[in-house]
């Protein structure tokens, strides 16, 4: 579940910059156990780009210990060409 959550959130981080992307690679590191029935805080942000590649970092912590990372991820996403992006992501009207 942690990997799925981070993959989805990191994809939305790409889209939030106006450049939607699809996962090329996702590296997950589990730092500690993720507790059940606990409110979590998931974060993701784009760290850079290289042509059509988008580099993203993500993490999961609990809301009560937001500074203690339980899971962290590094991902590389691929931005499709603009025409394909509009077709794949119709909700993003201004996709580059």
C-alpha atoms as a PDB file:
ATOM      1  CA  UNK A   1       0.000   0.000   0.000  1.00  0.00           C
ATOM      2  CA  UNK A   2       2.818   2.421   0.817  1.00  0.00           C
ATOM      3  CA  UNK A   3       4.420   1.979  -2.602  1.00  0.00           C
ATOM      4  CA  UNK A   4       1.077   2.389  -4.388  1.00  0.00           C
ATOM      5  CA  UNK A   5       0.251   5.513  -2.384  1.00  0.00           C
ATOM      6  CA  UNK A   6       3.635   7.105  -3.093  1.00  0.00           C
ATOM      7  CA  UNK A   7       3.531   6.197  -6.797  1.00  0.00           C
ATOM      8  CA  UNK A   8       0.120   7.833  -7.175  1.00  0.00           C
ATOM      9  CA  UNK A   9       1.028  10.918  -5.138  1.00  0.00           C
ATOM     10  CA  UNK A  10       4.320  11.386  -6.967  1.00  0.00           C
ATOM     11  CA  UNK A  11       2.467  11.203 -10.284  1.00  0.00           C
ATOM     12  CA  UNK A  12       0.109  13.932  -9.046  1.00  0.00           C
ATOM     13  CA  UNK A  13       3.161  16.013  -8.046  1.00  0.00           C
ATOM     14  CA  UNK A  14       4.296  15.862 -11.683  1.00  0.00           C
ATOM     15  CA  UNK A  15       0.830  16.875 -12.880  1.00  0.00           C
ATOM     16  CA  UNK A  16       0.726  19.754 -10.381  1.00  0.00           C
ATOM     17  CA  UNK A  17       3.732  21.289 -12.154  1.00  0.00           C
ATOM     18  CA  UNK A  18       1.798  21.185 -15.436  1.00  0.00           C
ATOM     19  CA  UNK A  19       3.779  18.229 -16.770  1.00  0.00           C
ATOM     20  CA  UNK A  20       1.962  14.941 -16.164  1.00  0.00           C
ATOM     21  CA  UNK A  21       4.146  11.863 -16.229  1.00  0.00           C
ATOM     22  CA  UNK A  22       4.113   8.092 -16.086  1.00  0.00           C
ATOM     23  CA  UNK A  23       6.347   6.070 -13.783  1.00  0.00           C
ATOM     24  CA  UNK A  24       9.624   4.815 -15.246  1.00  0.00           C
ATOM     25  CA  UNK A  25      11.135   3.737 -11.940  1.00  0.00           C
ATOM     26  CA  UNK A  26      10.252   3.907  -8.281  1.00  0.00           C
ATOM     27  CA  UNK A  27      12.722   3.135  -5.494  1.00  0.00           C
ATOM     28  CA  UNK A  28      11.130   2.613  -2.075  1.00  0.00           C
ATOM     29  CA  UNK A  29      13.003   2.537   1.227  1.00  0.00           C
ATOM     30  CA  UNK A  30      11.148   1.388   4.317  1.00  0.00           C
ATOM     31  CA  UNK A  31      12.672   3.133   7.339  1.00  0.00           C
ATOM     32  CA  UNK A  32      10.232   1.860   9.945  1.00  0.00           C
ATOM     33  CA  UNK A  33       6.927   0.039  10.307  1.00  0.00           C
ATOM     34  CA  UNK A  34       3.858   1.894   9.057  1.00  0.00           C
ATOM     35  CA  UNK A  35       1.235   1.562  11.800  1.00  0.00           C
ATOM     36  CA  UNK A  36      -2.312   0.475  11.028  1.00  0.00           C
ATOM     37  CA  UNK A  37      -5.331   2.654  11.773  1.00  0.00           C
ATOM     38  CA  UNK A  38      -3.156   5.745  12.136  1.00  0.00           C
ATOM     39  CA  UNK A  39      -3.491   9.028  10.257  1.00  0.00           C
ATOM     40  CA  UNK A  40      -0.608   9.353   7.801  1.00  0.00           C
ATOM     41  CA  UNK A  41       1.058  12.309   6.149  1.00  0.00           C
ATOM     42  CA  UNK A  42       2.228  11.637   2.581  1.00  0.00           C
ATOM     43  CA  UNK A  43       4.328  14.191   0.721  1.00  0.00           C
ATOM     44  CA  UNK A  44       5.795  14.415  -2.784  1.00  0.00           C
ATOM     45  CA  UNK A  45       7.638  17.059  -4.759  1.00  0.00           C
ATOM     46  CA  UNK A  46       9.431  17.365  -8.072  1.00  0.00           C
ATOM     47  CA  UNK A  47      13.180  17.745  -7.605  1.00  0.00           C
ATOM     48  CA  UNK A  48      14.217  18.275 -11.207  1.00  0.00           C
ATOM     49  CA  UNK A  49      13.771  17.547 -14.887  1.00  0.00           C
ATOM     50  CA  UNK A  50      15.950  16.398 -17.765  1.00  0.00           C
ATOM     51  CA  UNK A  51      14.215  16.740 -21.118  1.00  0.00           C
ATOM     52  CA  UNK A  52      11.121  14.505 -20.695  1.00  0.00           C
ATOM     53  CA  UNK A  53      12.288  12.888 -17.442  1.00  0.00           C
ATOM     54  CA  UNK A  54      10.836  14.201 -14.186  1.00  0.00           C
ATOM     55  CA  UNK A  55      12.560  13.394 -10.887  1.00  0.00           C
ATOM     56  CA  UNK A  56      10.373  13.195  -7.795  1.00  0.00           C
ATOM     57  CA  UNK A  57      10.840  12.492  -4.080  1.00  0.00           C
ATOM     58  CA  UNK A  58       8.123  11.292  -1.747  1.00  0.00           C
ATOM     59  CA  UNK A  59       7.714  10.251   1.874  1.00  0.00           C
ATOM     60  CA  UNK A  60       5.233   8.917   4.402  1.00  0.00           C
ATOM     61  CA  UNK A  61       5.135   9.794   8.101  1.00  0.00           C
ATOM     62  CA  UNK A  62       2.424   9.777  10.745  1.00  0.00           C
ATOM     63  CA  UNK A  63       0.518  12.997  11.368  1.00  0.00           C
ATOM     64  CA  UNK A  64       1.633  12.975  15.007  1.00  0.00           C
ATOM     65  CA  UNK A  65       5.332  12.508  14.106  1.00  0.00           C
ATOM     66  CA  UNK A  66       5.548  14.347  10.799  1.00  0.00           C
ATOM     67  CA  UNK A  67       9.332  14.747  11.020  1.00  0.00           C
ATOM     68  CA  UNK A  68       9.949  10.990  11.364  1.00  0.00           C
ATOM     69  CA  UNK A  69       9.983   9.403   7.911  1.00  0.00           C
ATOM     70  CA  UNK A  70       8.594   5.873   7.802  1.00  0.00           C
ATOM     71  CA  UNK A  71       8.862   5.331   4.038  1.00  0.00           C
ATOM     72  CA  UNK A  72      10.722   7.364   1.436  1.00  0.00           C
ATOM     73  CA  UNK A  73      10.806   7.101  -2.334  1.00  0.00           C
ATOM     74  CA  UNK A  74      12.680   8.400  -5.352  1.00  0.00           C
ATOM     75  CA  UNK A  75      10.974   8.183  -8.697  1.00  0.00           C
ATOM     76  CA  UNK A  76      11.632   8.931 -12.329  1.00  0.00           C
ATOM     77  CA  UNK A  77       8.621   9.762 -14.458  1.00  0.00           C
ATOM     78  CA  UNK A  78       8.366  10.223 -18.212  1.00  0.00           C
ATOM     79  CA  UNK A  79       6.377  13.119 -19.657  1.00  0.00           C
ATOM     80  CA  UNK A  80       4.641  12.013 -22.856  1.00  0.00           C
ATOM     81  CA  UNK A  81       4.638  14.362 -25.827  1.00  0.00           C
ATOM     82  CA  UNK A  82       1.958  17.089 -25.506  1.00  0.00           C
ATOM     83  CA  UNK A  83      -0.573  15.430 -27.821  1.00  0.00           C
ATOM     84  CA  UNK A  84      -0.302  12.095 -25.997  1.00  0.00           C
ATOM     85  CA  UNK A  85      -0.499  13.909 -22.629  1.00  0.00           C
ATOM     86  CA  UNK A  86      -3.782  15.578 -23.596  1.00  0.00           C
ATOM     87  CA  UNK A  87      -5.152  12.196 -24.672  1.00  0.00           C
ATOM     88  CA  UNK A  88      -3.933  10.333 -21.569  1.00  0.00           C
ATOM     89  CA  UNK A  89      -4.759  13.091 -19.071  1.00  0.00           C
ATOM     90  CA  UNK A  90      -7.878  14.881 -20.390  1.00  0.00           C
ATOM     91  CA  UNK A  91      -8.512  16.617 -17.043  1.00  0.00           C
ATOM     92  CA  UNK A  92      -5.245  18.543 -17.472  1.00  0.00           C
ATOM     93  CA  UNK A  93      -6.219  21.037 -20.131  1.00  0.00           C
ATOM     94  CA  UNK A  94      -2.922  22.945 -20.118  1.00  0.00           C
ATOM     95  CA  UNK A  95      -0.532  19.978 -20.123  1.00  0.00           C
ATOM     96  CA  UNK A  96       2.782  20.887 -21.727  1.00  0.00           C
END
